[in-house]
Amino acid sequence: MPQSLSNTIIHTVFSTKNRIKIIDENIENELFGMIGNECNKLKCNTIIAGGYVDHIHILCKLHRTISQSNFVKTIKAHSSHWMKEQGKQYAQFYWQDGYAIFSVGRNDVNRLVAYIKNQKEHHRKKTFKNEYLDYLRIHEIEYNEEYLWD
């Protein structure tokens, strides 16, 4: 077969370092838009990027030429640098070292888009830590909690 094809939809989640609540209403839309644009530059078509004060969710199609780790590394580096340029209040902005990536079926995309759009409401009831642990359990990802949090 002379052509390489792929349709891999991923849901990527990572937090600010020490889960510091630094993604405020003044910057969130610009940050999520910037991250979506960075995904697109990597040929990873963005479906939605969103989150809450201490974490991000990215739903996109991972391009066949980029690894998961390079995708996350690039997005974190560019968005962290961008945030620090947005004002003194963001000068200490950092992402956590780790991340989680989950595969997503086409039939789950709309549900996940709605979930990401509804982060503020969702996190009135559940912390990021509990949300993250739930995702790890649902997707049967083994982890050591000693190394899970910065």
Protein backbone atom coordinates (compact mmCIF):
# COMPACT_ATOMS: atom_id res chain seq x y z
CA MET A 1 0.00 0.00 0.00
CA PRO A 2 1.74 3.21 -1.13
CA GLN A 3 -0.24 5.62 1.07
CA SER A 4 -0.14 5.84 4.87
CA LEU A 5 -3.49 6.71 6.44
CA SER A 6 -4.62 7.31 9.98
CA ASN A 7 -7.65 8.53 11.88
CA THR A 8 -6.57 8.48 15.51
CA ILE A 9 -8.68 10.68 17.77
CA ILE A 10 -7.09 11.43 21.14
CA HIS A 11 -8.16 13.12 24.35
CA THR A 12 -5.15 14.65 26.09
CA VAL A 13 -5.27 15.89 29.69
CA PHE A 14 -2.64 17.62 31.79
CA SER A 15 -2.52 20.03 34.69
CA THR A 16 -0.69 23.15 35.70
CA LYS A 17 2.30 22.45 37.90
CA ASN A 18 1.10 21.62 41.42
CA ARG A 19 -2.43 22.20 40.09
CA ILE A 20 -2.07 25.94 40.64
CA LYS A 21 -5.28 27.73 39.66
CA ILE A 22 -3.74 30.19 37.20
CA ILE A 23 -5.89 29.80 34.08
CA ASP A 24 -8.30 32.61 34.88
CA GLU A 25 -11.22 34.05 32.94
CA ASN A 26 -8.98 36.82 31.57
CA ILE A 27 -6.79 34.34 29.66
CA GLU A 28 -8.65 31.05 29.28
CA ASN A 29 -10.26 31.60 25.86
CA GLU A 30 -7.04 32.96 24.37
CA LEU A 31 -5.03 30.08 25.85
CA PHE A 32 -7.44 27.43 24.59
CA GLY A 33 -7.48 29.07 21.16
CA MET A 34 -3.69 29.29 21.09
CA ILE A 35 -3.40 25.60 22.01
CA GLY A 36 -5.90 24.69 19.29
CA ASN A 37 -3.83 26.64 16.76
CA GLU A 38 -0.64 24.89 17.89
CA CYS A 39 -2.32 21.52 17.43
CA ASN A 40 -3.32 22.53 13.92
CA LYS A 41 0.25 23.63 13.13
CA LEU A 42 1.31 20.07 14.01
CA LYS A 43 -1.33 18.78 11.55
CA CYS A 44 -3.30 17.44 14.52
CA ASN A 45 -6.72 18.79 13.63
CA THR A 46 -8.25 20.31 16.74
CA ILE A 47 -11.77 19.31 17.62
CA ILE A 48 -11.80 21.30 20.87
CA ALA A 49 -9.36 22.60 23.47
CA GLY A 50 -10.71 23.68 26.83
CA GLY A 51 -10.37 23.17 30.51
CA TYR A 52 -10.58 24.85 33.85
CA VAL A 53 -8.42 26.90 36.18
CA ASP A 54 -5.80 24.18 36.73
CA HIS A 55 -5.90 21.86 33.71
CA ILE A 56 -6.48 21.42 30.00
CA HIS A 57 -8.36 18.95 27.79
CA ILE A 58 -7.42 18.66 24.12
CA LEU A 59 -9.50 16.62 21.72
CA CYS A 60 -7.88 16.27 18.31
CA LYS A 61 -6.89 13.93 15.51
CA LEU A 62 -3.29 12.91 16.06
CA HIS A 63 -1.42 13.18 12.77
CA ARG A 64 0.26 9.99 11.63
CA THR A 65 3.72 11.63 11.60
CA ILE A 66 3.90 12.76 15.24
CA SER A 67 4.27 10.70 18.38
CA GLN A 68 2.09 11.28 21.41
CA SER A 69 5.08 12.43 23.48
CA ASN A 70 6.27 14.91 20.85
CA PHE A 71 2.74 16.23 20.48
CA VAL A 72 2.43 16.94 24.21
CA LYS A 73 5.98 18.25 24.53
CA THR A 74 5.44 20.76 21.73
CA ILE A 75 2.03 21.92 22.95
CA LYS A 76 3.28 22.37 26.51
CA ALA A 77 6.43 24.24 25.47
CA HIS A 78 4.68 26.68 23.13
CA SER A 79 1.71 27.34 25.41
CA SER A 80 3.87 27.78 28.51
CA HIS A 81 6.10 30.27 26.71
CA TRP A 82 3.04 32.09 25.36
CA MET A 83 1.42 32.31 28.82
CA LYS A 84 4.52 33.85 30.37
CA GLU A 85 4.40 36.61 27.74
CA GLN A 86 0.82 37.56 28.69
CA GLY A 87 1.70 39.50 31.83
CA LYS A 88 3.40 39.43 35.21
CA GLN A 89 0.54 37.44 36.76
CA TYR A 90 1.48 34.50 34.47
CA ALA A 91 5.26 34.72 34.84
CA GLN A 92 5.36 31.60 37.02
CA PHE A 93 3.18 29.52 34.72
CA TYR A 94 4.26 25.91 34.20
CA TRP A 95 2.57 22.67 33.16
CA GLN A 96 3.03 19.49 35.19
CA ASP A 97 5.58 17.02 33.82
CA GLY A 98 3.11 14.23 33.12
CA TYR A 99 0.04 13.82 30.97
CA ALA A 100 -2.58 11.28 29.99
CA ILE A 101 -3.77 10.46 26.50
CA PHE A 102 -6.89 8.43 25.85
CA SER A 103 -8.07 7.01 22.56
CA VAL A 104 -11.53 8.14 21.51
CA GLY A 105 -14.00 6.40 19.24
CA ARG A 106 -15.85 8.45 16.62
CA ASN A 107 -19.13 7.79 18.39
CA ASP A 108 -17.82 9.40 21.60
CA VAL A 109 -16.62 12.67 20.06
CA ASN A 110 -19.83 14.69 20.50
CA ARG A 111 -20.24 13.60 24.12
CA LEU A 112 -16.64 14.53 24.87
CA VAL A 113 -16.96 17.92 23.14
CA ALA A 114 -19.96 18.72 25.35
CA TYR A 115 -18.03 17.55 28.42
CA ILE A 116 -15.06 19.79 27.63
CA LYS A 117 -17.32 22.79 26.93
CA ASN A 118 -18.98 22.24 30.32
CA GLN A 119 -15.83 22.19 32.46
CA LYS A 120 -16.81 25.07 34.76
CA GLU A 121 -20.10 23.44 35.69
CA HIS A 122 -18.53 20.00 35.96
CA HIS A 123 -15.85 21.19 38.38
CA ARG A 124 -18.35 22.67 40.77
CA LYS A 125 -18.99 19.05 41.74
CA LYS A 126 -15.69 17.28 41.11
CA THR A 127 -12.04 18.23 41.53
CA PHE A 128 -9.50 17.80 38.75
CA LYS A 129 -7.74 15.15 40.82
CA ASN A 130 -10.91 13.06 41.10
CA GLU A 131 -11.73 13.61 37.42
CA TYR A 132 -8.24 12.48 36.40
CA LEU A 133 -8.32 9.38 38.62
CA ASP A 134 -11.75 8.48 37.21
CA TYR A 135 -10.41 8.69 33.65
CA LEU A 136 -7.45 6.49 34.53
CA ARG A 137 -9.76 3.88 36.07
CA ILE A 138 -12.29 3.97 33.21
CA HIS A 139 -9.51 3.48 30.67
CA GLU A 140 -7.82 0.82 32.83
CA ILE A 141 -4.50 2.66 32.97
CA GLU A 142 -2.20 1.39 35.67
CA TYR A 143 -0.51 4.10 37.71
CA ASN A 144 1.43 4.66 40.89
CA GLU A 145 -0.16 7.52 42.81
CA GLU A 146 3.20 8.30 44.42
CA TYR A 147 4.36 9.56 41.02
CA LEU A 148 1.05 10.87 39.69
CA TRP A 149 1.09 14.35 41.24
CA ASP A 150 3.89 16.94 41.07
